[in-house]
C-alpha atoms as a PDB file:
ATOM      1  CA  MET A   1      79.192  13.141 -90.383  1.00  0.00           C
ATOM      2  CA  LEU A   2      80.917  10.913 -87.867  1.00  0.00           C
ATOM      3  CA  GLN A   3      84.203  12.057 -86.357  1.00  0.00           C
ATOM      4  CA  THR A   4      84.575   9.315 -83.734  1.00  0.00           C
ATOM      5  CA  LEU A   5      85.214   5.575 -83.926  1.00  0.00           C
ATOM      6  CA  ILE A   6      85.862   2.811 -81.409  1.00  0.00           C
ATOM      7  CA  GLY A   7      89.106   0.856 -81.643  1.00  0.00           C
ATOM      8  CA  GLN A   8      91.327  -1.563 -79.770  1.00  0.00           C
ATOM      9  CA  LYS A   9      94.956  -1.001 -78.838  1.00  0.00           C
ATOM     10  CA  ILE A  10      97.258  -3.610 -80.383  1.00  0.00           C
ATOM     11  CA  ASP A  11     100.841  -2.575 -79.694  1.00  0.00           C
ATOM     12  CA  GLN A  12     103.296   0.308 -79.371  1.00  0.00           C
ATOM     13  CA  THR A  13     106.292   0.427 -81.691  1.00  0.00           C
ATOM     14  CA  GLN A  14     108.461   2.873 -83.616  1.00  0.00           C
ATOM     15  CA  THR A  15     108.931   3.849 -87.245  1.00  0.00           C
ATOM     16  CA  PHE A  16     110.516   6.524 -89.430  1.00  0.00           C
ATOM     17  CA  LEU A  17     109.120   9.554 -91.215  1.00  0.00           C
ATOM     18  CA  GLU A  18     109.944  10.497 -94.773  1.00  0.00           C
ATOM     19  CA  ASN A  19     112.494  13.055 -93.514  1.00  0.00           C
ATOM     20  CA  GLY A  20     114.325  10.364 -91.496  1.00  0.00           C
ATOM     21  CA  LYS A  21     112.975  11.245 -88.049  1.00  0.00           C
ATOM     22  CA  ARG A  22     112.214   8.317 -85.732  1.00  0.00           C
ATOM     23  CA  ILE A  23     108.845   8.486 -83.979  1.00  0.00           C
ATOM     24  CA  PRO A  24     106.845   6.361 -81.496  1.00  0.00           C
ATOM     25  CA  VAL A  25     103.707   4.859 -83.007  1.00  0.00           C
ATOM     26  CA  THR A  26     100.664   3.137 -81.521  1.00  0.00           C
ATOM     27  CA  GLU A  27      98.927   0.512 -83.654  1.00  0.00           C
ATOM     28  CA  VAL A  28      95.156   0.567 -83.189  1.00  0.00           C
ATOM     29  CA  SER A  29      92.712  -1.954 -84.650  1.00  0.00           C
ATOM     30  CA  VAL A  30      89.566  -0.168 -85.802  1.00  0.00           C
ATOM     31  CA  ALA A  31      87.283  -2.979 -86.904  1.00  0.00           C
ATOM     32  CA  ASP A  32      83.957  -2.234 -88.529  1.00  0.00           C
ATOM     33  CA  ASN A  33      81.852  -0.143 -86.150  1.00  0.00           C
ATOM     34  CA  VAL A  34      78.167  -1.098 -86.240  1.00  0.00           C
ATOM     35  CA  VAL A  35      75.420   1.492 -85.811  1.00  0.00           C
ATOM     36  CA  VAL A  36      73.278   0.260 -82.915  1.00  0.00           C
ATOM     37  CA  GLN A  37      70.907   3.218 -82.559  1.00  0.00           C
ATOM     38  CA  VAL A  38      70.387   6.678 -84.057  1.00  0.00           C
ATOM     39  CA  LYS A  39      69.251   9.600 -81.908  1.00  0.00           C
ATOM     40  CA  THR A  40      67.292  12.343 -83.710  1.00  0.00           C
ATOM     41  CA  ASP A  41      65.993  15.785 -82.798  1.00  0.00           C
ATOM     42  CA  THR A  42      62.432  14.628 -83.377  1.00  0.00           C
ATOM     43  CA  ASN A  43      62.514  11.695 -80.969  1.00  0.00           C
ATOM     44  CA  ASP A  44      65.345  12.497 -78.561  1.00  0.00           C
ATOM     45  CA  LYS A  45      65.819  16.303 -78.813  1.00  0.00           C
ATOM     46  CA  TYR A  46      69.420  15.846 -79.968  1.00  0.00           C
ATOM     47  CA  THR A  47      71.387  14.125 -82.733  1.00  0.00           C
ATOM     48  CA  ALA A  48      73.837  11.321 -81.995  1.00  0.00           C
ATOM     49  CA  VAL A  49      74.811   7.832 -83.098  1.00  0.00           C
ATOM     50  CA  GLN A  50      75.419   4.769 -80.957  1.00  0.00           C
ATOM     51  CA  LEU A  51      78.346   2.671 -82.203  1.00  0.00           C
ATOM     52  CA  GLY A  52      79.102  -0.892 -81.153  1.00  0.00           C
ATOM     53  CA  ILE A  53      82.143  -3.084 -81.551  1.00  0.00           C
ATOM     54  CA  GLY A  54      83.066  -6.675 -80.726  1.00  0.00           C
ATOM     55  CA  ALA A  55      80.816  -9.485 -79.453  1.00  0.00           C
ATOM     56  CA  LYS A  56      79.713 -10.044 -75.859  1.00  0.00           C
ATOM     57  CA  LYS A  57      79.869 -13.656 -74.652  1.00  0.00           C
ATOM     58  CA  LYS A  58      77.310 -13.412 -71.846  1.00  0.00           C
ATOM     59  CA  PRO A  59      75.249 -10.255 -72.412  1.00  0.00           C
ATOM     60  CA  ILE A  60      72.474  -9.084 -70.113  1.00  0.00           C
ATOM     61  CA  LYS A  61      68.873  -9.239 -71.319  1.00  0.00           C
ATOM     62  CA  SER A  62      68.506  -5.512 -71.773  1.00  0.00           C
ATOM     63  CA  ARG A  63      71.559  -5.414 -74.058  1.00  0.00           C
ATOM     64  CA  VAL A  64      70.221  -8.405 -76.021  1.00  0.00           C
ATOM     65  CA  GLY A  65      66.888  -6.671 -76.620  1.00  0.00           C
ATOM     66  CA  HIS A  66      68.624  -3.448 -77.611  1.00  0.00           C
ATOM     67  CA  SER A  67      70.741  -5.297 -80.177  1.00  0.00           C
ATOM     68  CA  LYS A  68      67.792  -7.249 -81.600  1.00  0.00           C
ATOM     69  CA  LYS A  69      65.919  -4.008 -82.138  1.00  0.00           C
ATOM     70  CA  ALA A  70      68.816  -2.831 -84.295  1.00  0.00           C
ATOM     71  CA  GLY A  71      68.778  -6.102 -86.269  1.00  0.00           C
ATOM     72  CA  LEU A  72      72.167  -7.307 -85.018  1.00  0.00           C
ATOM     73  CA  GLU A  73      73.004 -10.997 -84.774  1.00  0.00           C
ATOM     74  CA  GLN A  74      75.638 -10.501 -82.044  1.00  0.00           C
ATOM     75  CA  VAL A  75      75.555  -8.264 -78.997  1.00  0.00           C
ATOM     76  CA  PRO A  76      78.390  -5.674 -79.078  1.00  0.00           C
ATOM     77  CA  SER A  77      80.843  -5.899 -76.226  1.00  0.00           C
ATOM     78  CA  LEU A  78      81.233  -2.111 -76.117  1.00  0.00           C
ATOM     79  CA  ILE A  79      78.704   0.576 -77.034  1.00  0.00           C
ATOM     80  CA  ARG A  80      79.498   4.283 -77.129  1.00  0.00           C
ATOM     81  CA  GLU A  81      77.351   7.233 -78.155  1.00  0.00           C
ATOM     82  CA  VAL A  82      79.143   9.761 -80.360  1.00  0.00           C
ATOM     83  CA  VAL A  83      78.164  13.143 -81.732  1.00  0.00           C
ATOM     84  CA  TRP A  84      76.879  13.575 -85.276  1.00  0.00           C
ATOM     85  CA  VAL A  85      78.266  16.720 -86.953  1.00  0.00           C
ATOM     86  CA  GLY A  86      76.686  18.401 -89.976  1.00  0.00           C
ATOM     87  CA  ASP A  87      73.413  18.187 -91.857  1.00  0.00           C
ATOM     88  CA  GLU A  88      74.195  15.054 -93.861  1.00  0.00           C
ATOM     89  CA  GLU A  89      71.876  12.071 -93.981  1.00  0.00           C
ATOM     90  CA  LEU A  90      72.012  10.010 -90.808  1.00  0.00           C
ATOM     91  CA  PRO A  91      72.970   6.325 -91.014  1.00  0.00           C
ATOM     92  CA  LYS A  92      70.542   3.540 -90.214  1.00  0.00           C
ATOM     93  CA  SER A  93      70.663   0.896 -87.509  1.00  0.00           C
ATOM     94  CA  GLY A  94      72.820  -2.006 -88.647  1.00  0.00           C
ATOM     95  CA  ASP A  95      75.036   0.059 -90.979  1.00  0.00           C
ATOM     96  CA  VAL A  96      78.791  -0.487 -90.821  1.00  0.00           C
ATOM     97  CA  VAL A  97      81.274   2.402 -90.572  1.00  0.00           C
ATOM     98  CA  THR A  98      84.837   1.723 -91.787  1.00  0.00           C
ATOM     99  CA  VAL A  99      88.027   3.457 -90.672  1.00  0.00           C
ATOM    100  CA  GLU A 100      88.899   5.026 -94.044  1.00  0.00           C
ATOM    101  CA  THR A 101      85.569   6.883 -94.181  1.00  0.00           C
ATOM    102  CA  VAL A 102      86.363   8.842 -90.998  1.00  0.00           C
ATOM    103  CA  PHE A 103      90.153   9.190 -90.697  1.00  0.00           C
ATOM    104  CA  LYS A 104      92.998   9.955 -93.081  1.00  0.00           C
ATOM    105  CA  PRO A 105      96.750  10.582 -92.616  1.00  0.00           C
ATOM    106  CA  GLY A 106      97.381  14.026 -91.159  1.00  0.00           C
ATOM    107  CA  ASP A 107      94.314  14.177 -88.905  1.00  0.00           C
ATOM    108  CA  ILE A 108      94.758  15.391 -85.334  1.00  0.00           C
ATOM    109  CA  VAL A 109      92.867  13.200 -82.869  1.00  0.00           C
ATOM    110  CA  LYS A 110      92.250  12.736 -79.198  1.00  0.00           C
ATOM    111  CA  VAL A 111      92.260   9.219 -77.768  1.00  0.00           C
ATOM    112  CA  THR A 112      90.292   8.215 -74.689  1.00  0.00           C
ATOM    113  CA  GLY A 113      90.970   4.970 -72.859  1.00  0.00           C
ATOM    114  CA  THR A 114      91.302   3.301 -69.474  1.00  0.00           C
ATOM    115  CA  SER A 115      94.771   3.526 -67.954  1.00  0.00           C
ATOM    116  CA  LYS A 116      96.702   0.555 -66.585  1.00  0.00           C
ATOM    117  CA  GLY A 117      96.110  -0.437 -62.971  1.00  0.00           C
ATOM    118  CA  LYS A 118      99.080   0.244 -60.650  1.00  0.00           C
ATOM    119  CA  GLY A 119      97.608  -0.835 -57.329  1.00  0.00           C
ATOM    120  CA  PHE A 120      98.153   1.157 -54.103  1.00  0.00           C
ATOM    121  CA  ALA A 121     100.723   3.934 -54.639  1.00  0.00           C
ATOM    122  CA  GLY A 122     102.137   6.785 -52.573  1.00  0.00           C
ATOM    123  CA  GLY A 123     102.049  10.502 -53.276  1.00  0.00           C
ATOM    124  CA  VAL A 124     105.430  10.578 -55.005  1.00  0.00           C
ATOM    125  CA  LYS A 125     104.474   7.972 -57.607  1.00  0.00           C
ATOM    126  CA  ARG A 126     100.798   8.861 -57.822  1.00  0.00           C
ATOM    127  CA  TYR A 127     101.040  12.651 -58.077  1.00  0.00           C
ATOM    128  CA  GLY A 128     104.747  13.356 -58.448  1.00  0.00           C
ATOM    129  CA  PHE A 129     105.369  14.842 -54.993  1.00  0.00           C
ATOM    130  CA  ARG A 130     108.920  16.009 -54.373  1.00  0.00           C
ATOM    131  CA  GLY A 131     109.323  14.337 -50.986  1.00  0.00           C
ATOM    132  CA  GLY A 132     111.050  15.577 -47.808  1.00  0.00           C
ATOM    133  CA  PRO A 133     114.648  16.607 -47.238  1.00  0.00           C
ATOM    134  CA  LYS A 134     117.369  13.982 -47.396  1.00  0.00           C
ATOM    135  CA  THR A 135     119.737  15.668 -44.907  1.00  0.00           C
ATOM    136  CA  HIS A 136     119.733  16.920 -41.304  1.00  0.00           C
ATOM    137  CA  GLY A 137     118.601  13.605 -39.918  1.00  0.00           C
ATOM    138  CA  GLN A 138     115.461  13.283 -42.040  1.00  0.00           C
ATOM    139  CA  SER A 139     115.806   9.523 -42.534  1.00  0.00           C
ATOM    140  CA  ASP A 140     112.057   8.757 -42.744  1.00  0.00           C
ATOM    141  CA  ARG A 141     110.812  11.806 -44.685  1.00  0.00           C
ATOM    142  CA  HIS A 142     112.147  10.997 -48.178  1.00  0.00           C
ATOM    143  CA  ARG A 143     108.787   9.941 -49.695  1.00  0.00           C
ATOM    144  CA  ALA A 144     106.390  11.228 -47.027  1.00  0.00           C
ATOM    145  CA  PRO A 145     103.432  13.436 -48.166  1.00  0.00           C
ATOM    146  CA  GLY A 146     104.036  16.118 -45.547  1.00  0.00           C
ATOM    147  CA  SER A 147     101.273  18.167 -43.931  1.00  0.00           C
ATOM    148  CA  ILE A 148      97.721  17.368 -45.029  1.00  0.00           C
ATOM    149  CA  GLY A 149      95.837  20.297 -43.510  1.00  0.00           C
ATOM    150  CA  GLN A 150      95.558  23.056 -40.894  1.00  0.00           C
ATOM    151  CA  GLY A 151      95.083  22.806 -37.148  1.00  0.00           C
ATOM    152  CA  THR A 152      91.921  23.380 -35.153  1.00  0.00           C
ATOM    153  CA  THR A 153      90.381  25.359 -38.001  1.00  0.00           C
ATOM    154  CA  PRO A 154      88.919  23.716 -39.974  1.00  0.00           C
ATOM    155  CA  GLY A 155      89.854  20.616 -37.997  1.00  0.00           C
ATOM    156  CA  ARG A 156      89.442  18.237 -40.918  1.00  0.00           C
ATOM    157  CA  VAL A 157      90.997  17.226 -44.250  1.00  0.00           C
ATOM    158  CA  TYR A 158      89.428  18.731 -47.309  1.00  0.00           C
ATOM    159  CA  LYS A 159      87.820  16.425 -49.862  1.00  0.00           C
ATOM    160  CA  GLY A 160      90.002  15.714 -52.890  1.00  0.00           C
ATOM    161  CA  LYS A 161      93.259  16.029 -50.998  1.00  0.00           C
ATOM    162  CA  ARG A 162      96.003  14.344 -52.997  1.00  0.00           C
ATOM    163  CA  MET A 163      97.248  11.481 -50.901  1.00  0.00           C
ATOM    164  CA  ALA A 164      98.346   7.869 -51.219  1.00  0.00           C
ATOM    165  CA  GLY A 165      95.742   5.499 -52.645  1.00  0.00           C
ATOM    166  CA  HIS A 166      94.674   3.294 -55.571  1.00  0.00           C
ATOM    167  CA  MET A 167      96.404   4.303 -58.795  1.00  0.00           C
ATOM    168  CA  GLY A 168      95.302   3.617 -62.391  1.00  0.00           C
ATOM    169  CA  VAL A 169      92.146   2.197 -63.991  1.00  0.00           C
ATOM    170  CA  ASP A 170      91.061   5.760 -64.736  1.00  0.00           C
ATOM    171  CA  THR A 171      89.530   7.249 -67.864  1.00  0.00           C
ATOM    172  CA  VAL A 172      92.385   9.144 -69.501  1.00  0.00           C
ATOM    173  CA  THR A 173      92.289  11.331 -72.622  1.00  0.00           C
ATOM    174  CA  VAL A 174      95.428  12.174 -74.611  1.00  0.00           C
ATOM    175  CA  ARG A 175      95.023  15.088 -77.042  1.00  0.00           C
ATOM    176  CA  ASN A 176      96.818  16.360 -80.144  1.00  0.00           C
ATOM    177  CA  LEU A 177      97.937  12.992 -81.468  1.00  0.00           C
ATOM    178  CA  VAL A 178      98.481  12.691 -85.227  1.00  0.00           C
ATOM    179  CA  VAL A 179      97.256   9.922 -87.534  1.00  0.00           C
ATOM    180  CA  VAL A 180     100.323   8.938 -89.566  1.00  0.00           C
ATOM    181  CA  ASP A 181      98.808   6.084 -91.583  1.00  0.00           C
ATOM    182  CA  VAL A 182      95.487   4.337 -92.296  1.00  0.00           C
ATOM    183  CA  ASP A 183      95.375   0.700 -93.431  1.00  0.00           C
ATOM    184  CA  PRO A 184      91.865  -0.032 -94.785  1.00  0.00           C
ATOM    185  CA  GLU A 185      92.761  -3.605 -95.811  1.00  0.00           C
ATOM    186  CA  ASN A 186      93.751  -4.677 -92.299  1.00  0.00           C
ATOM    187  CA  LYS A 187      91.427  -2.123 -90.643  1.00  0.00           C
ATOM    188  CA  LYS A 188      94.213  -0.484 -88.668  1.00  0.00           C
ATOM    189  CA  LEU A 189      95.097   3.040 -87.602  1.00  0.00           C
ATOM    190  CA  TYR A 190      98.614   4.255 -86.749  1.00  0.00           C
ATOM    191  CA  VAL A 191      98.827   7.161 -84.299  1.00  0.00           C
ATOM    192  CA  LEU A 192     101.926   9.228 -83.559  1.00  0.00           C
ATOM    193  CA  GLY A 193     102.545   8.949 -79.807  1.00  0.00           C
ATOM    194  CA  LEU A 194     101.404   6.760 -76.944  1.00  0.00           C
ATOM    195  CA  VAL A 195      97.843   6.154 -75.800  1.00  0.00           C
ATOM    196  CA  PRO A 196      96.490   5.022 -72.418  1.00  0.00           C
ATOM    197  CA  GLY A 197      95.756   1.422 -71.540  1.00  0.00           C
ATOM    198  CA  SER A 198      97.313  -1.981 -71.990  1.00  0.00           C
ATOM    199  CA  LYS A 199      97.089  -4.223 -75.035  1.00  0.00           C
ATOM    200  CA  LYS A 200      93.560  -5.132 -76.181  1.00  0.00           C
ATOM    201  CA  THR A 201      92.158  -2.100 -74.338  1.00  0.00           C
ATOM    202  CA  SER A 202      89.192  -0.365 -75.954  1.00  0.00           C
ATOM    203  CA  LEU A 203      89.817   3.183 -77.213  1.00  0.00           C
ATOM    204  CA  VAL A 204      87.578   5.996 -78.413  1.00  0.00           C
ATOM    205  CA  ILE A 205      89.278   8.015 -81.160  1.00  0.00           C
ATOM    206  CA  THR A 206      87.883  11.438 -82.073  1.00  0.00           C
ATOM    207  CA  LYS A 207      89.034  13.746 -84.873  1.00  0.00           C
ATOM    208  CA  ILE A 208      89.635  17.332 -83.701  1.00  0.00           C
ATOM    209  CA  GLY A 209      91.581  18.894 -86.577  1.00  0.00           C
ATOM    210  CA  GLU A 210      94.171  18.510 -89.342  1.00  0.00           C
ATOM    211  CA  GLN A 211      97.916  19.013 -89.316  1.00  0.00           C
ATOM    212  CA  LYS A 212      99.091  21.611 -91.837  1.00  0.00           C
ATOM    213  CA  LYS A 213     102.698  20.451 -92.240  1.00  0.00           C
ATOM    214  CA  PHE A 214     102.183  16.701 -92.302  1.00  0.00           C
ATOM    215  CA  VAL A 215     105.145  14.408 -93.079  1.00  0.00           C
ATOM    216  CA  ARG A 216     104.378  10.937 -94.385  1.00  0.00           C
ATOM    217  CA  LEU A 217     105.887   7.676 -93.192  1.00  0.00           C
ATOM    218  CA  LEU A 218     108.954   6.408 -95.008  1.00  0.00           C
ATOM    219  CA  SER A 219     107.299   3.008 -95.487  1.00  0.00           C
ATOM    220  CA  VAL A 220     104.368   4.657 -97.268  1.00  0.00           C
ATOM    221  CA  LYS A 221     106.724   6.493 -99.620  1.00  0.00           C
ATOM    222  CA  LEU A 222     108.649   3.301-100.412  1.00  0.00           C
ATOM    223  CA  LYS A 223     105.403   1.443-101.035  1.00  0.00           C
ATOM    224  CA  GLU A 224     104.167   4.145-103.399  1.00  0.00           C
ATOM    225  CA  ASP A 225     107.490   4.146-105.265  1.00  0.00           C
ATOM    226  CA  GLU A 226     107.312   0.360-105.675  1.00  0.00           C
ATOM    227  CA  GLU A 227     103.742   0.549-106.958  1.00  0.00           C
ATOM    228  CA  ALA A 228     104.726   3.328-109.368  1.00  0.00           C
ATOM    229  CA  LYS A 229     107.636   1.195-110.630  1.00  0.00           C
ATOM    230  CA  LYS A 230     105.351  -1.790-111.197  1.00  0.00           C
ATOM    231  CA  GLU A 231     102.839   0.424-113.000  1.00  0.00           C
ATOM    232  CA  ALA A 232     105.593   1.820-115.228  1.00  0.00           C
ATOM    233  CA  GLU A 233     106.779  -1.705-116.066  1.00  0.00           C
ATOM    234  CA  ARG A 234     103.217  -2.741-116.873  1.00  0.00           C
ATOM    235  CA  LEU A 235     102.736   0.262-119.168  1.00  0.00           C
ATOM    236  CA  ALA A 236     106.075  -0.454-120.884  1.00  0.00           C
ATOM    237  CA  LYS A 237     105.024  -4.065-121.540  1.00  0.00           C
ATOM    238  CA  GLU A 238     101.683  -2.909-122.914  1.00  0.00           C
ATOM    239  CA  GLN A 239     103.442  -0.453-125.233  1.00  0.00           C
ATOM    240  CA  GLU A 240     105.832  -3.157-126.463  1.00  0.00           C
ATOM    241  CA  LYS A 241     102.897  -5.458-127.087  1.00  0.00           C
ATOM    242  CA  ALA A 242     101.056  -2.728-128.973  1.00  0.00           C
ATOM    243  CA  VAL A 243     104.135  -2.017-131.130  1.00  0.00           C
ATOM    244  CA  ALA A 244     104.555  -5.727-131.909  1.00  0.00           C
ATOM    245  CA  GLU A 245     100.894  -6.017-132.904  1.00  0.00           C
ATOM    246  CA  ALA A 246     101.191  -2.924-135.110  1.00  0.00           C
ATOM    247  CA  GLU A 247     104.254  -4.371-136.869  1.00  0.00           C
ATOM    248  CA  LYS A 248     102.459  -7.684-137.354  1.00  0.00           C
ATOM    249  CA  SER A 249      99.396  -5.981-138.839  1.00  0.00           C
ATOM    250  CA  ALA A 250     101.657  -3.925-141.141  1.00  0.00           C
ATOM    251  CA  GLU A 251     103.312  -7.119-142.424  1.00  0.00           C
ATOM    252  CA  MET A 252      99.903  -8.678-143.041  1.00  0.00           C
ATOM    253  CA  GLU A 253      98.819  -5.622-145.037  1.00  0.00           C
ATOM    254  CA  LYS A 254     102.004  -5.771-147.146  1.00  0.00           C
ATOM    255  CA  THR A 255     101.375  -9.462-147.883  1.00  0.00           C
ATOM    256  CA  GLU A 256      97.831  -8.693-149.009  1.00  0.00           C
ATOM    257  CA  GLU A 257      99.028  -5.843-151.270  1.00  0.00           C
ATOM    258  CA  VAL A 258     101.427  -8.080-153.400  1.00  0.00           C
ATOM    259  CA  PRO A 259     100.722  -7.701-157.257  1.00  0.00           C
ATOM    260  CA  ALA A 260      98.469 -10.254-158.934  1.00  0.00           C
ATOM    261  CA  GLU A 261     101.208 -11.314-161.451  1.00  0.00           C
ATOM    262  CA  ALA A 262     103.320 -12.659-158.642  1.00  0.00           C
ATOM    263  CA  THR A 263     100.461 -14.686-157.268  1.00  0.00           C
ATOM    264  CA  THR A 264      99.135 -16.004-160.670  1.00  0.00           C
ATOM    265  CA  PRO A 265     101.515 -19.010-161.095  1.00  0.00           C
ATOM    266  CA  VAL A 266     100.762 -20.173-157.615  1.00  0.00           C
ATOM    267  CA  GLU A 267      97.023 -20.005-158.259  1.00  0.00           C
ATOM    268  CA  GLU A 268      97.210 -21.667-161.781  1.00  0.00           C
ATOM    269  CA  VAL A 269      98.767 -24.938-160.581  1.00  0.00           C
ATOM    270  CA  PRO A 270      95.730 -26.183-158.710  1.00  0.00           C
ATOM    271  CA  ALA A 271      93.567 -25.063-161.657  1.00  0.00           C
ATOM    272  CA  ILE A 272      95.657 -27.172-164.115  1.00  0.00           C
ATOM    273  CA  GLU A 273      95.498 -30.134-161.815  1.00  0.00           C
ATOM    274  CA  GLU A 274      91.746 -29.735-161.549  1.00  0.00           C
ATOM    275  CA  THR A 275      91.477 -29.537-165.390  1.00  0.00           C
ATOM    276  CA  GLU A 276      93.558 -32.680-165.870  1.00  0.00           C
ATOM    277  CA  THR A 277      91.504 -34.482-163.268  1.00  0.00           C
ATOM    278  CA  GLN A 278      88.283 -33.409-164.938  1.00  0.00           C
ATOM    279  CA  THR A 279      89.627 -34.510-168.396  1.00  0.00           C
ATOM    280  CA  ALA A 280      90.673 -37.898-167.068  1.00  0.00           C
ATOM    281  CA  THR A 281      87.283 -38.298-165.436  1.00  0.00           C
ATOM    282  CA  GLU A 282      85.495 -37.347-168.668  1.00  0.00           C
ATOM    283  CA  THR A 283      87.704 -39.811-170.649  1.00  0.00           C
ATOM    284  CA  VAL A 284      86.894 -42.626-168.266  1.00  0.00           C
ATOM    285  CA  THR A 285      83.230 -41.739-168.523  1.00  0.00           C
ATOM    286  CA  THR A 286      83.458 -41.710-172.361  1.00  0.00           C
ATOM    287  CA  ASP A 287      85.157 -45.119-172.390  1.00  0.00           C
ATOM    288  CA  GLU A 288      82.476 -46.501-170.146  1.00  0.00           C
ATOM    289  CA  GLU A 289      79.799 -45.119-172.441  1.00  0.00           C
ATOM    290  CA  THR A 290      81.621 -46.611-175.498  1.00  0.00           C
ATOM    291  CA  VAL A 291      81.814 -50.022-173.880  1.00  0.00           C
ATOM    292  CA  ALA A 292      78.158 -49.817-172.990  1.00  0.00           C
ATOM    293  CA  THR A 293      77.326 -48.830-176.610  1.00  0.00           C
ATOM    294  CA  SER A 294      79.381 -51.712-178.014  1.00  0.00           C
ATOM    295  CA  GLU A 295      77.614 -54.113-175.697  1.00  0.00           C
ATOM    296  CA  GLU A 296      74.258 -52.825-176.927  1.00  0.00           C
ATOM    297  CA  THR A 297      75.397 -53.252-180.589  1.00  0.00           C
ATOM    298  CA  VAL A 298      76.489 -56.851-179.955  1.00  0.00           C
ATOM    299  CA  SER A 299      73.178 -57.635-178.334  1.00  0.00           C
ATOM    300  CA  ASP A 300      71.301 -56.103-181.298  1.00  0.00           C
ATOM    301  CA  ALA A 301      73.362 -58.162-183.780  1.00  0.00           C
ATOM    302  CA  THR A 302      72.666 -61.324-181.834  1.00  0.00           C
ATOM    303  CA  GLU A 303      68.971 -60.650-181.965  1.00  0.00           C
ATOM    304  CA  THR A 304      69.135 -60.035-185.779  1.00  0.00           C
ATOM    305  CA  VAL A 305      70.975 -63.321-186.411  1.00  0.00           C
ATOM    306  CA  ALA A 306      68.437 -65.174-184.326  1.00  0.00           C
ATOM    307  CA  GLU A 307      65.596 -63.691-186.358  1.00  0.00           C
ATOM    308  CA  GLU A 308      67.244 -64.695-189.659  1.00  0.00           C
ATOM    309  CA  VAL A 309      67.886 -68.263-188.528  1.00  0.00           C
ATOM    310  CA  VAL A 310      64.305 -68.890-187.462  1.00  0.00           C
ATOM    311  CA  PRO A 311      62.644 -68.051-190.846  1.00  0.00           C
ATOM    312  CA  SER A 312      65.152 -70.205-192.795  1.00  0.00           C
ATOM    313  CA  ALA A 313      64.322 -73.212-190.714  1.00  0.00           C
ATOM    314  CA  GLU A 314      60.657 -72.729-191.293  1.00  0.00           C
ATOM    315  CA  SER A 315      61.129 -72.412-195.057  1.00  0.00           C
ATOM    316  CA  GLU A 316      63.005 -75.700-195.201  1.00  0.00           C
ATOM    317  CA  ALA A 317      60.391 -77.527-193.239  1.00  0.00           C
ATOM    318  CA  GLU A 318      57.408 -76.468-195.360  1.00  0.00           C
ATOM    319  CA  PRO A 319      58.351 -78.334-198.632  1.00  0.00           C
ATOM    320  CA  VAL A 320      58.840 -81.594-196.762  1.00  0.00           C
ATOM    321  CA  LYS A 321      55.402 -81.375-195.349  1.00  0.00           C
ATOM    322  CA  GLU A 322      53.890 -80.737-198.796  1.00  0.00           C
ATOM    323  CA  GLY A 323      55.636 -83.844-200.310  1.00  0.00           C
ATOM    324  CA  GLU A 324      54.300 -86.076-197.663  1.00  0.00           C
ATOM    325  CA  GLU A 325      50.835 -84.874-198.332  1.00  0.00           C
ATOM    326  CA  LYS A 326      51.190 -85.560-201.977  1.00  0.00           C
END
């Protein structure tokens, strides 16, 4: 598994622990680290992972080809090779490693970065020399380095002699720092203590152990208490809602269980109305049928009278015709 990530120093501030102690804290942005290349025992005789972070504006051609081989759209501004510990499955090129998968509060880490540049500095500032005496007329020896070697033998200054020179812009590692908080949402890491470098300096953070007696931040405790309070309020509302629904269902069951005698009068009224309506409809239908029958009877009587009148006229006409013939 990975125990190292690349980050960027944001700022140095202070905060309080749960026991009330004030501590210095460094805020580190640990954005998603991209796996650029994986070294294996089969191909490279050792196991390691190359991590990249950021985006290079004007990368060289070799870095562009290396990134394309990994399937990356952007060329990382910083690439570091870190050790892979354990027998777990290795990641693949292009995978993203997040901060919460590697670090957690209570981890002891070492942070490597580039120190601030101080320019040309003397021995007192650069290495902490004590300086010369301030009395007995030593007016120009207060910050002097003193003797830098022997006489005729060896007749030279040894290499590595601590003297005045350029100070800073060195690779510095600070050990035994403690991770006090991890913010996966904002991709940040909070380290107890100060780390080398100025703001926006790249850092390499490596886990080296765990603190046994770890004390949380006060802000984390307050946040957890607030979340617990909100969760308790939510559960209380859900319980009240459940009780109200249970009471409502109980009332509905009681309404359904009312005796039939109490509900009979209410149900008979629409039945009576329906019966009266049906009776009135049948009466109207009967009257219509009666009228139709009477009309048929009148028409039959008219036809009968017409038949009787026709034969009588014929009978009267026949005798007249016979007299004329005679």
